[in-house]
């Protein structure tokens, strides 16, 4: 008998990936087209987990579940409960390692399910703090952006050392989210940028600063319904992300195809070096055409995201 359930969607970074780690702003959007669901049952004995790639005791799970193990331990401590007697079932249609926030989504779903099982109210701040336990295991220097966006379900303007604010949204446009079909390499990409920054800060800092300026400009576009300018900021951001070597040939090809097919702008989303890209289109008709061309160019899957679906939050 299921005693607790938790659901979490993914996220899309619209602007500011990588530069956010260095104190620049970033914009992330909740992405409910894909989701993680976790259910909890009470059992006798050690904690167990059932997911796509593992069925067994949580304390014997492979390294990919190390964050979940640590998260469950910390959450049960927070709840004041013994860390045993739990059966977790995790189901997902959110592709892993694509820059869509799968690790944070799993963590959000797990925490929500555990709090639901014990009928304890869960605040957004506590949820975000707990999710950070797992994120620090899965990612080098996590910004907290994934956890914040997925936990809140809102459009987020985020600065690592200043916190978050929810963006008022007033823009017409449809994003096409396209999967390269290749695992993203977020941890490696973040480490690579860190190495570049350590070795040549005079070269990297202006790029990071400009990415921050573009994110500020993008936030204005979202509020003033300037989709054309938003597309231009996306294109420039992609060029800068290419300079810090977090793009790859597949992403570059899909970005090029999207622009040639009429997208207002296109860029990678998330850590890069694989994963997903996004293309901004003015209408669903344009988005359908871009989606078709992206699939013909090798995208393994595409989703549509009407930006009007995001509830505006001051």
C-alpha atoms as a PDB file:
ATOM      1  CA  UNK A   1       0.000   0.000   0.000  1.00  0.00           C
ATOM      2  CA  UNK A   2       1.435   3.350  -1.064  1.00  0.00           C
ATOM      3  CA  UNK A   3       1.614   5.769   1.845  1.00  0.00           C
ATOM      4  CA  UNK A   4       3.393   8.663   0.157  1.00  0.00           C
ATOM      5  CA  UNK A   5       3.738  10.107  -3.333  1.00  0.00           C
ATOM      6  CA  UNK A   6       5.819  12.855  -4.858  1.00  0.00           C
ATOM      7  CA  UNK A   7       5.981  14.240  -8.390  1.00  0.00           C
ATOM      8  CA  UNK A   8       8.462  16.642  -9.950  1.00  0.00           C
ATOM      9  CA  UNK A   9       8.934  17.995 -13.460  1.00  0.00           C
ATOM     10  CA  UNK A  10      12.170  18.953 -15.152  1.00  0.00           C
ATOM     11  CA  UNK A  11      13.685  22.327 -15.889  1.00  0.00           C
ATOM     12  CA  UNK A  12      15.077  24.237 -18.824  1.00  0.00           C
ATOM     13  CA  UNK A  13      17.848  26.771 -18.465  1.00  0.00           C
ATOM     14  CA  UNK A  14      16.894  29.565 -20.808  1.00  0.00           C
ATOM     15  CA  UNK A  15      20.005  31.663 -20.201  1.00  0.00           C
ATOM     16  CA  UNK A  16      23.038  31.643 -17.960  1.00  0.00           C
ATOM     17  CA  UNK A  17      24.261  28.059 -17.749  1.00  0.00           C
ATOM     18  CA  UNK A  18      27.886  27.824 -16.602  1.00  0.00           C
ATOM     19  CA  UNK A  19      28.234  31.565 -15.972  1.00  0.00           C
ATOM     20  CA  UNK A  20      25.821  31.176 -13.041  1.00  0.00           C
ATOM     21  CA  UNK A  21      28.509  29.209 -11.185  1.00  0.00           C
ATOM     22  CA  UNK A  22      30.656  32.372 -11.221  1.00  0.00           C
ATOM     23  CA  UNK A  23      28.027  34.672  -9.746  1.00  0.00           C
ATOM     24  CA  UNK A  24      26.301  35.717 -12.963  1.00  0.00           C
ATOM     25  CA  UNK A  25      22.496  35.527 -13.211  1.00  0.00           C
ATOM     26  CA  UNK A  26      20.618  32.723 -14.907  1.00  0.00           C
ATOM     27  CA  UNK A  27      17.024  32.156 -15.974  1.00  0.00           C
ATOM     28  CA  UNK A  28      15.411  28.756 -15.648  1.00  0.00           C
ATOM     29  CA  UNK A  29      11.916  27.585 -16.503  1.00  0.00           C
ATOM     30  CA  UNK A  30       9.948  24.652 -15.084  1.00  0.00           C
ATOM     31  CA  UNK A  31       9.383  21.921 -17.670  1.00  0.00           C
ATOM     32  CA  UNK A  32       6.332  19.799 -16.953  1.00  0.00           C
ATOM     33  CA  UNK A  33       6.289  17.894 -20.254  1.00  0.00           C
ATOM     34  CA  UNK A  34       8.517  15.330 -18.549  1.00  0.00           C
ATOM     35  CA  UNK A  35       8.342  14.188 -14.935  1.00  0.00           C
ATOM     36  CA  UNK A  36       9.564  11.916 -12.145  1.00  0.00           C
ATOM     37  CA  UNK A  37       7.180  10.138  -9.774  1.00  0.00           C
ATOM     38  CA  UNK A  38       8.226   8.568  -6.475  1.00  0.00           C
ATOM     39  CA  UNK A  39       6.011   6.428  -4.261  1.00  0.00           C
ATOM     40  CA  UNK A  40       6.817   5.227  -0.736  1.00  0.00           C
ATOM     41  CA  UNK A  41       5.577   2.138   1.108  1.00  0.00           C
ATOM     42  CA  UNK A  42       6.365   1.047   4.651  1.00  0.00           C
ATOM     43  CA  UNK A  43       8.055  -2.370   4.855  1.00  0.00           C
ATOM     44  CA  UNK A  44      10.011  -4.463   7.342  1.00  0.00           C
ATOM     45  CA  UNK A  45      13.795  -4.275   7.218  1.00  0.00           C
ATOM     46  CA  UNK A  46      16.241  -2.183   5.243  1.00  0.00           C
ATOM     47  CA  UNK A  47      15.277   0.559   2.823  1.00  0.00           C
ATOM     48  CA  UNK A  48      14.824  -0.609  -0.771  1.00  0.00           C
ATOM     49  CA  UNK A  49      14.512   1.153  -4.100  1.00  0.00           C
ATOM     50  CA  UNK A  50      12.963   0.126  -7.418  1.00  0.00           C
ATOM     51  CA  UNK A  51      13.846   2.131 -10.520  1.00  0.00           C
ATOM     52  CA  UNK A  52      14.644   1.555 -14.178  1.00  0.00           C
ATOM     53  CA  UNK A  53      18.132   0.183 -13.576  1.00  0.00           C
ATOM     54  CA  UNK A  54      18.137  -1.178 -10.016  1.00  0.00           C
ATOM     55  CA  UNK A  55      15.899  -3.191  -7.705  1.00  0.00           C
ATOM     56  CA  UNK A  56      17.215  -3.905  -4.233  1.00  0.00           C
ATOM     57  CA  UNK A  57      18.534  -2.526  -0.964  1.00  0.00           C
ATOM     58  CA  UNK A  58      19.284   1.178  -1.057  1.00  0.00           C
ATOM     59  CA  UNK A  59      22.505   0.786   0.927  1.00  0.00           C
ATOM     60  CA  UNK A  60      23.781  -1.643  -1.732  1.00  0.00           C
ATOM     61  CA  UNK A  61      22.693   0.445  -4.723  1.00  0.00           C
ATOM     62  CA  UNK A  62      25.126   1.491  -7.485  1.00  0.00           C
ATOM     63  CA  UNK A  63      26.929   4.815  -7.405  1.00  0.00           C
ATOM     64  CA  UNK A  64      24.233   6.451  -9.564  1.00  0.00           C
ATOM     65  CA  UNK A  65      21.932   6.231  -6.547  1.00  0.00           C
ATOM     66  CA  UNK A  66      24.453   7.514  -4.001  1.00  0.00           C
ATOM     67  CA  UNK A  67      22.744  10.898  -3.962  1.00  0.00           C
ATOM     68  CA  UNK A  68      19.352   9.303  -3.306  1.00  0.00           C
ATOM     69  CA  UNK A  69      20.789   7.222  -0.454  1.00  0.00           C
ATOM     70  CA  UNK A  70      22.302  10.311   1.174  1.00  0.00           C
ATOM     71  CA  UNK A  71      19.118  12.277   0.558  1.00  0.00           C
ATOM     72  CA  UNK A  72      16.879   9.675   2.204  1.00  0.00           C
ATOM     73  CA  UNK A  73      19.192   9.508   5.222  1.00  0.00           C
ATOM     74  CA  UNK A  74      19.201  13.305   5.625  1.00  0.00           C
ATOM     75  CA  UNK A  75      15.446  13.622   5.049  1.00  0.00           C
ATOM     76  CA  UNK A  76      14.593  10.960   7.619  1.00  0.00           C
ATOM     77  CA  UNK A  77      16.844  12.763  10.111  1.00  0.00           C
ATOM     78  CA  UNK A  78      15.025  16.002   9.323  1.00  0.00           C
ATOM     79  CA  UNK A  79      11.716  14.230   9.918  1.00  0.00           C
ATOM     80  CA  UNK A  80      12.960  12.720  13.170  1.00  0.00           C
ATOM     81  CA  UNK A  81      12.331   9.170  11.942  1.00  0.00           C
ATOM     82  CA  UNK A  82      14.387   5.982  11.827  1.00  0.00           C
ATOM     83  CA  UNK A  83      16.143   5.519   8.492  1.00  0.00           C
ATOM     84  CA  UNK A  84      14.738   2.087   7.639  1.00  0.00           C
ATOM     85  CA  UNK A  85      11.527   0.335   6.647  1.00  0.00           C
ATOM     86  CA  UNK A  86      11.021   2.255   3.402  1.00  0.00           C
ATOM     87  CA  UNK A  87      10.357   1.001  -0.110  1.00  0.00           C
ATOM     88  CA  UNK A  88      10.868   3.654  -2.783  1.00  0.00           C
ATOM     89  CA  UNK A  89       9.605   3.255  -6.337  1.00  0.00           C
ATOM     90  CA  UNK A  90      10.868   5.778  -8.860  1.00  0.00           C
ATOM     91  CA  UNK A  91       9.291   6.090 -12.314  1.00  0.00           C
ATOM     92  CA  UNK A  92      10.349   8.550 -14.980  1.00  0.00           C
ATOM     93  CA  UNK A  93       9.754   9.776 -18.499  1.00  0.00           C
ATOM     94  CA  UNK A  94      12.384  12.472 -17.985  1.00  0.00           C
ATOM     95  CA  UNK A  95      15.514  11.471 -19.908  1.00  0.00           C
ATOM     96  CA  UNK A  96      18.565  11.370 -17.676  1.00  0.00           C
ATOM     97  CA  UNK A  97      21.787  13.281 -18.294  1.00  0.00           C
ATOM     98  CA  UNK A  98      20.247  15.650 -20.834  1.00  0.00           C
ATOM     99  CA  UNK A  99      20.489  18.936 -18.946  1.00  0.00           C
ATOM    100  CA  UNK A 100      16.794  18.843 -18.024  1.00  0.00           C
ATOM    101  CA  UNK A 101      17.363  18.550 -14.297  1.00  0.00           C
ATOM    102  CA  UNK A 102      16.741  14.830 -13.893  1.00  0.00           C
ATOM    103  CA  UNK A 103      18.853  14.430 -10.750  1.00  0.00           C
ATOM    104  CA  UNK A 104      17.176  17.366  -9.001  1.00  0.00           C
ATOM    105  CA  UNK A 105      13.754  16.152 -10.154  1.00  0.00           C
ATOM    106  CA  UNK A 106      14.361  12.720  -8.621  1.00  0.00           C
ATOM    107  CA  UNK A 107      15.413  14.368  -5.377  1.00  0.00           C
ATOM    108  CA  UNK A 108      12.378  16.672  -5.278  1.00  0.00           C
ATOM    109  CA  UNK A 109      10.039  13.739  -5.932  1.00  0.00           C
ATOM    110  CA  UNK A 110      11.717  11.613  -3.226  1.00  0.00           C
ATOM    111  CA  UNK A 111      11.543  14.326  -0.563  1.00  0.00           C
ATOM    112  CA  UNK A 112       7.930  15.126  -1.407  1.00  0.00           C
ATOM    113  CA  UNK A 113       7.026  11.437  -1.201  1.00  0.00           C
ATOM    114  CA  UNK A 114       8.720  11.000   2.187  1.00  0.00           C
ATOM    115  CA  UNK A 115       7.054  14.062   3.671  1.00  0.00           C
ATOM    116  CA  UNK A 116       3.733  12.895   2.251  1.00  0.00           C
ATOM    117  CA  UNK A 117       4.246   9.442   3.782  1.00  0.00           C
ATOM    118  CA  UNK A 118       4.655  10.936   7.246  1.00  0.00           C
ATOM    119  CA  UNK A 119       1.989  13.624   6.654  1.00  0.00           C
ATOM    120  CA  UNK A 120       4.347  16.481   7.451  1.00  0.00           C
ATOM    121  CA  UNK A 121       4.045  19.859   5.740  1.00  0.00           C
ATOM    122  CA  UNK A 122       7.004  20.643   3.490  1.00  0.00           C
ATOM    123  CA  UNK A 123       8.137  24.197   2.836  1.00  0.00           C
ATOM    124  CA  UNK A 124       9.893  25.197  -0.357  1.00  0.00           C
ATOM    125  CA  UNK A 125      12.983  26.323   1.567  1.00  0.00           C
ATOM    126  CA  UNK A 126      13.346  22.977   3.361  1.00  0.00           C
ATOM    127  CA  UNK A 127      12.754  21.114   0.104  1.00  0.00           C
ATOM    128  CA  UNK A 128      15.436  23.091  -1.709  1.00  0.00           C
ATOM    129  CA  UNK A 129      17.923  22.616   1.137  1.00  0.00           C
ATOM    130  CA  UNK A 130      17.380  18.854   1.227  1.00  0.00           C
ATOM    131  CA  UNK A 131      17.663  18.486  -2.540  1.00  0.00           C
ATOM    132  CA  UNK A 132      21.036  20.212  -2.306  1.00  0.00           C
ATOM    133  CA  UNK A 133      22.353  17.191  -0.382  1.00  0.00           C
ATOM    134  CA  UNK A 134      22.023  14.980  -3.448  1.00  0.00           C
ATOM    135  CA  UNK A 135      22.941  17.685  -5.957  1.00  0.00           C
ATOM    136  CA  UNK A 136      26.300  18.244  -4.247  1.00  0.00           C
ATOM    137  CA  UNK A 137      27.074  14.571  -4.842  1.00  0.00           C
ATOM    138  CA  UNK A 138      25.990  14.491  -8.474  1.00  0.00           C
ATOM    139  CA  UNK A 139      27.443  17.817  -9.623  1.00  0.00           C
ATOM    140  CA  UNK A 140      30.626  19.759  -9.057  1.00  0.00           C
ATOM    141  CA  UNK A 141      29.810  23.162  -7.530  1.00  0.00           C
ATOM    142  CA  UNK A 142      26.024  22.981  -8.071  1.00  0.00           C
ATOM    143  CA  UNK A 143      24.505  26.439  -8.405  1.00  0.00           C
ATOM    144  CA  UNK A 144      21.209  25.454  -6.822  1.00  0.00           C
ATOM    145  CA  UNK A 145      19.307  26.614  -9.892  1.00  0.00           C
ATOM    146  CA  UNK A 146      17.876  23.202 -10.783  1.00  0.00           C
ATOM    147  CA  UNK A 147      16.661  22.575  -7.257  1.00  0.00           C
ATOM    148  CA  UNK A 148      15.135  26.037  -6.934  1.00  0.00           C
ATOM    149  CA  UNK A 149      13.286  25.920 -10.242  1.00  0.00           C
ATOM    150  CA  UNK A 150      11.938  22.392  -9.908  1.00  0.00           C
ATOM    151  CA  UNK A 151      10.951  22.873  -6.272  1.00  0.00           C
ATOM    152  CA  UNK A 152       9.070  26.106  -7.010  1.00  0.00           C
ATOM    153  CA  UNK A 153       7.582  25.236 -10.402  1.00  0.00           C
ATOM    154  CA  UNK A 154       8.054  28.866 -11.423  1.00  0.00           C
ATOM    155  CA  UNK A 155      10.195  30.893 -13.810  1.00  0.00           C
ATOM    156  CA  UNK A 156      13.273  31.791 -11.787  1.00  0.00           C
ATOM    157  CA  UNK A 157      15.859  34.544 -12.075  1.00  0.00           C
ATOM    158  CA  UNK A 158      18.734  33.232  -9.997  1.00  0.00           C
ATOM    159  CA  UNK A 159      22.060  34.521  -8.719  1.00  0.00           C
ATOM    160  CA  UNK A 160      24.180  32.138  -6.691  1.00  0.00           C
ATOM    161  CA  UNK A 161      25.147  34.597  -3.969  1.00  0.00           C
ATOM    162  CA  UNK A 162      21.952  36.673  -4.010  1.00  0.00           C
ATOM    163  CA  UNK A 163      19.255  34.050  -4.219  1.00  0.00           C
ATOM    164  CA  UNK A 164      16.219  33.969  -6.452  1.00  0.00           C
ATOM    165  CA  UNK A 165      13.263  35.961  -7.631  1.00  0.00           C
ATOM    166  CA  UNK A 166      10.302  34.783  -9.647  1.00  0.00           C
ATOM    167  CA  UNK A 167      10.006  36.383 -13.046  1.00  0.00           C
ATOM    168  CA  UNK A 168       6.834  38.009 -14.287  1.00  0.00           C
ATOM    169  CA  UNK A 169       6.242  36.456 -17.712  1.00  0.00           C
ATOM    170  CA  UNK A 170       4.597  38.267 -20.593  1.00  0.00           C
ATOM    171  CA  UNK A 171       5.908  36.799 -23.819  1.00  0.00           C
ATOM    172  CA  UNK A 172       4.442  35.114 -26.855  1.00  0.00           C
ATOM    173  CA  UNK A 173       6.532  32.255 -28.135  1.00  0.00           C
ATOM    174  CA  UNK A 174       6.975  28.525 -28.307  1.00  0.00           C
ATOM    175  CA  UNK A 175      10.178  26.741 -27.383  1.00  0.00           C
ATOM    176  CA  UNK A 176      11.117  23.566 -29.180  1.00  0.00           C
ATOM    177  CA  UNK A 177      13.200  21.409 -26.860  1.00  0.00           C
ATOM    178  CA  UNK A 178      15.261  18.872 -28.803  1.00  0.00           C
ATOM    179  CA  UNK A 179      17.233  15.930 -27.451  1.00  0.00           C
ATOM    180  CA  UNK A 180      20.489  15.100 -29.204  1.00  0.00           C
ATOM    181  CA  UNK A 181      20.129  11.535 -27.960  1.00  0.00           C
ATOM    182  CA  UNK A 182      23.560  11.799 -26.350  1.00  0.00           C
ATOM    183  CA  UNK A 183      24.173  11.988 -22.609  1.00  0.00           C
ATOM    184  CA  UNK A 184      25.221  15.452 -21.539  1.00  0.00           C
ATOM    185  CA  UNK A 185      28.446  15.729 -19.567  1.00  0.00           C
ATOM    186  CA  UNK A 186      27.576  18.433 -17.064  1.00  0.00           C
ATOM    187  CA  UNK A 187      30.192  17.558 -14.472  1.00  0.00           C
ATOM    188  CA  UNK A 188      32.952  17.369 -17.086  1.00  0.00           C
ATOM    189  CA  UNK A 189      31.798  20.599 -18.725  1.00  0.00           C
ATOM    190  CA  UNK A 190      31.738  22.488 -15.417  1.00  0.00           C
ATOM    191  CA  UNK A 191      35.197  21.145 -14.576  1.00  0.00           C
ATOM    192  CA  UNK A 192      36.480  22.118 -18.026  1.00  0.00           C
ATOM    193  CA  UNK A 193      35.252  25.697 -17.656  1.00  0.00           C
ATOM    194  CA  UNK A 194      36.820  25.844 -14.190  1.00  0.00           C
ATOM    195  CA  UNK A 195      40.158  24.792 -15.684  1.00  0.00           C
ATOM    196  CA  UNK A 196      39.885  27.446 -18.404  1.00  0.00           C
ATOM    197  CA  UNK A 197      39.029  30.051 -15.787  1.00  0.00           C
ATOM    198  CA  UNK A 198      41.948  29.053 -13.553  1.00  0.00           C
ATOM    199  CA  UNK A 199      44.404  29.062 -16.450  1.00  0.00           C
ATOM    200  CA  UNK A 200      43.251  32.217 -18.233  1.00  0.00           C
ATOM    201  CA  UNK A 201      40.804  34.329 -16.207  1.00  0.00           C
ATOM    202  CA  UNK A 202      41.484  37.434 -18.317  1.00  0.00           C
ATOM    203  CA  UNK A 203      40.044  35.617 -21.325  1.00  0.00           C
ATOM    204  CA  UNK A 204      37.179  33.810 -19.606  1.00  0.00           C
ATOM    205  CA  UNK A 205      35.865  36.567 -17.320  1.00  0.00           C
ATOM    206  CA  UNK A 206      34.693  38.875 -20.144  1.00  0.00           C
ATOM    207  CA  UNK A 207      32.790  35.949 -21.675  1.00  0.00           C
ATOM    208  CA  UNK A 208      31.121  35.153 -18.357  1.00  0.00           C
ATOM    209  CA  UNK A 209      30.326  38.843 -17.831  1.00  0.00           C
ATOM    210  CA  UNK A 210      28.709  39.084 -21.253  1.00  0.00           C
ATOM    211  CA  UNK A 211      26.655  35.953 -20.592  1.00  0.00           C
ATOM    212  CA  UNK A 212      25.417  37.710 -17.461  1.00  0.00           C
ATOM    213  CA  UNK A 213      24.504  40.826 -19.451  1.00  0.00           C
ATOM    214  CA  UNK A 214      22.607  38.697 -21.961  1.00  0.00           C
ATOM    215  CA  UNK A 215      20.670  37.052 -19.151  1.00  0.00           C
ATOM    216  CA  UNK A 216      19.645  40.485 -17.841  1.00  0.00           C
ATOM    217  CA  UNK A 217      18.544  41.455 -21.338  1.00  0.00           C
ATOM    218  CA  UNK A 218      16.597  38.212 -21.710  1.00  0.00           C
ATOM    219  CA  UNK A 219      14.717  38.888 -18.471  1.00  0.00           C
ATOM    220  CA  UNK A 220      13.618  42.246 -19.887  1.00  0.00           C
ATOM    221  CA  UNK A 221      12.471  40.523 -23.078  1.00  0.00           C
ATOM    222  CA  UNK A 222      10.327  38.108 -21.081  1.00  0.00           C
ATOM    223  CA  UNK A 223       8.590  41.012 -19.348  1.00  0.00           C
ATOM    224  CA  UNK A 224       8.134  43.204 -22.443  1.00  0.00           C
ATOM    225  CA  UNK A 225       7.151  40.482 -24.939  1.00  0.00           C
ATOM    226  CA  UNK A 226      10.156  41.021 -27.190  1.00  0.00           C
ATOM    227  CA  UNK A 227      10.619  37.557 -28.657  1.00  0.00           C
ATOM    228  CA  UNK A 228      12.809  38.805 -31.506  1.00  0.00           C
ATOM    229  CA  UNK A 229      15.369  40.298 -29.132  1.00  0.00           C
ATOM    230  CA  UNK A 230      15.153  37.219 -26.913  1.00  0.00           C
ATOM    231  CA  UNK A 231      16.075  35.095 -29.916  1.00  0.00           C
ATOM    232  CA  UNK A 232      19.078  37.301 -30.599  1.00  0.00           C
ATOM    233  CA  UNK A 233      20.292  36.989 -27.023  1.00  0.00           C
ATOM    234  CA  UNK A 234      20.012  33.210 -27.298  1.00  0.00           C
ATOM    235  CA  UNK A 235      22.093  33.203 -30.472  1.00  0.00           C
ATOM    236  CA  UNK A 236      24.828  35.333 -28.933  1.00  0.00           C
ATOM    237  CA  UNK A 237      24.842  33.206 -25.793  1.00  0.00           C
ATOM    238  CA  UNK A 238      25.334  30.082 -27.885  1.00  0.00           C
ATOM    239  CA  UNK A 239      28.318  31.667 -29.621  1.00  0.00           C
ATOM    240  CA  UNK A 240      29.872  32.441 -26.234  1.00  0.00           C
ATOM    241  CA  UNK A 241      29.158  28.965 -24.880  1.00  0.00           C
ATOM    242  CA  UNK A 242      30.918  27.617 -27.949  1.00  0.00           C
ATOM    243  CA  UNK A 243      33.966  29.737 -27.061  1.00  0.00           C
ATOM    244  CA  UNK A 244      34.225  28.138 -23.622  1.00  0.00           C
ATOM    245  CA  UNK A 245      33.962  24.713 -25.241  1.00  0.00           C
ATOM    246  CA  UNK A 246      30.752  23.399 -23.685  1.00  0.00           C
ATOM    247  CA  UNK A 247      28.938  22.825 -26.963  1.00  0.00           C
ATOM    248  CA  UNK A 248      29.625  19.934 -29.334  1.00  0.00           C
ATOM    249  CA  UNK A 249      29.100  19.018 -32.979  1.00  0.00           C
ATOM    250  CA  UNK A 250      25.601  17.563 -32.513  1.00  0.00           C
ATOM    251  CA  UNK A 251      24.387  20.587 -30.594  1.00  0.00           C
ATOM    252  CA  UNK A 252      25.942  22.959 -33.108  1.00  0.00           C
ATOM    253  CA  UNK A 253      24.289  21.106 -35.975  1.00  0.00           C
ATOM    254  CA  UNK A 254      20.831  21.216 -34.377  1.00  0.00           C
ATOM    255  CA  UNK A 255      21.230  24.902 -33.510  1.00  0.00           C
ATOM    256  CA  UNK A 256      22.188  25.649 -37.106  1.00  0.00           C
ATOM    257  CA  UNK A 257      19.250  23.644 -38.475  1.00  0.00           C
ATOM    258  CA  UNK A 258      16.822  25.429 -36.147  1.00  0.00           C
ATOM    259  CA  UNK A 259      17.995  28.876 -37.248  1.00  0.00           C
ATOM    260  CA  UNK A 260      17.920  27.898 -40.918  1.00  0.00           C
ATOM    261  CA  UNK A 261      14.369  26.597 -40.393  1.00  0.00           C
ATOM    262  CA  UNK A 262      13.107  29.928 -39.097  1.00  0.00           C
ATOM    263  CA  UNK A 263      13.680  29.847 -35.338  1.00  0.00           C
ATOM    264  CA  UNK A 264      14.149  33.269 -33.761  1.00  0.00           C
ATOM    265  CA  UNK A 265      17.040  31.926 -31.703  1.00  0.00           C
ATOM    266  CA  UNK A 266      18.588  28.658 -30.585  1.00  0.00           C
ATOM    267  CA  UNK A 267      21.127  27.450 -28.054  1.00  0.00           C
ATOM    268  CA  UNK A 268      22.098  24.526 -25.894  1.00  0.00           C
ATOM    269  CA  UNK A 269      20.382  24.186 -22.538  1.00  0.00           C
ATOM    270  CA  UNK A 270      22.003  22.760 -19.430  1.00  0.00           C
ATOM    271  CA  UNK A 271      25.554  21.565 -19.036  1.00  0.00           C
ATOM    272  CA  UNK A 272      26.245  20.937 -22.705  1.00  0.00           C
ATOM    273  CA  UNK A 273      28.613  18.478 -24.382  1.00  0.00           C
ATOM    274  CA  UNK A 274      25.514  16.520 -25.424  1.00  0.00           C
ATOM    275  CA  UNK A 275      22.070  16.728 -23.919  1.00  0.00           C
ATOM    276  CA  UNK A 276      19.424  19.103 -25.254  1.00  0.00           C
ATOM    277  CA  UNK A 277      19.040  22.349 -27.148  1.00  0.00           C
ATOM    278  CA  UNK A 278      16.181  24.836 -27.354  1.00  0.00           C
ATOM    279  CA  UNK A 279      14.826  26.857 -30.256  1.00  0.00           C
ATOM    280  CA  UNK A 280      12.505  29.859 -29.872  1.00  0.00           C
ATOM    281  CA  UNK A 281       9.678  30.112 -32.399  1.00  0.00           C
ATOM    282  CA  UNK A 282       6.977  32.735 -32.852  1.00  0.00           C
ATOM    283  CA  UNK A 283       4.039  30.340 -33.363  1.00  0.00           C
ATOM    284  CA  UNK A 284       3.080  26.682 -33.033  1.00  0.00           C
ATOM    285  CA  UNK A 285       3.110  26.428 -36.824  1.00  0.00           C
ATOM    286  CA  UNK A 286       6.708  27.614 -36.914  1.00  0.00           C
ATOM    287  CA  UNK A 287       7.572  25.327 -34.005  1.00  0.00           C
ATOM    288  CA  UNK A 288       6.087  22.315 -35.795  1.00  0.00           C
ATOM    289  CA  UNK A 289       8.247  23.011 -38.834  1.00  0.00           C
ATOM    290  CA  UNK A 290      11.402  23.506 -36.761  1.00  0.00           C
ATOM    291  CA  UNK A 291      10.647  20.324 -34.816  1.00  0.00           C
ATOM    292  CA  UNK A 292      10.271  18.336 -38.027  1.00  0.00           C
ATOM    293  CA  UNK A 293      13.574  19.639 -39.364  1.00  0.00           C
ATOM    294  CA  UNK A 294      15.356  18.909 -36.083  1.00  0.00           C
ATOM    295  CA  UNK A 295      14.144  15.319 -36.136  1.00  0.00           C
ATOM    296  CA  UNK A 296      15.279  14.975 -39.739  1.00  0.00           C
ATOM    297  CA  UNK A 297      18.663  16.322 -38.600  1.00  0.00           C
ATOM    298  CA  UNK A 298      19.019  13.637 -35.953  1.00  0.00           C
ATOM    299  CA  UNK A 299      17.183  14.824 -32.826  1.00  0.00           C
ATOM    300  CA  UNK A 300      15.949  11.758 -30.949  1.00  0.00           C
ATOM    301  CA  UNK A 301      12.941  13.556 -29.484  1.00  0.00           C
ATOM    302  CA  UNK A 302      11.351  16.991 -29.359  1.00  0.00           C
ATOM    303  CA  UNK A 303       8.839  18.697 -27.099  1.00  0.00           C
ATOM    304  CA  UNK A 304       6.863  21.918 -27.460  1.00  0.00           C
ATOM    305  CA  UNK A 305       6.761  24.458 -24.647  1.00  0.00           C
ATOM    306  CA  UNK A 306       4.322  27.354 -24.958  1.00  0.00           C
ATOM    307  CA  UNK A 307       5.831  30.146 -22.877  1.00  0.00           C
ATOM    308  CA  UNK A 308       2.324  31.380 -22.086  1.00  0.00           C
ATOM    309  CA  UNK A 309       1.873  28.233 -19.979  1.00  0.00           C
ATOM    310  CA  UNK A 310       4.192  29.652 -17.329  1.00  0.00           C
ATOM    311  CA  UNK A 311       2.196  31.397 -14.654  1.00  0.00           C
ATOM    312  CA  UNK A 312       3.450  34.901 -14.010  1.00  0.00           C
ATOM    313  CA  UNK A 313       4.830  35.457 -10.502  1.00  0.00           C
ATOM    314  CA  UNK A 314       5.973  38.774  -9.155  1.00  0.00           C
END
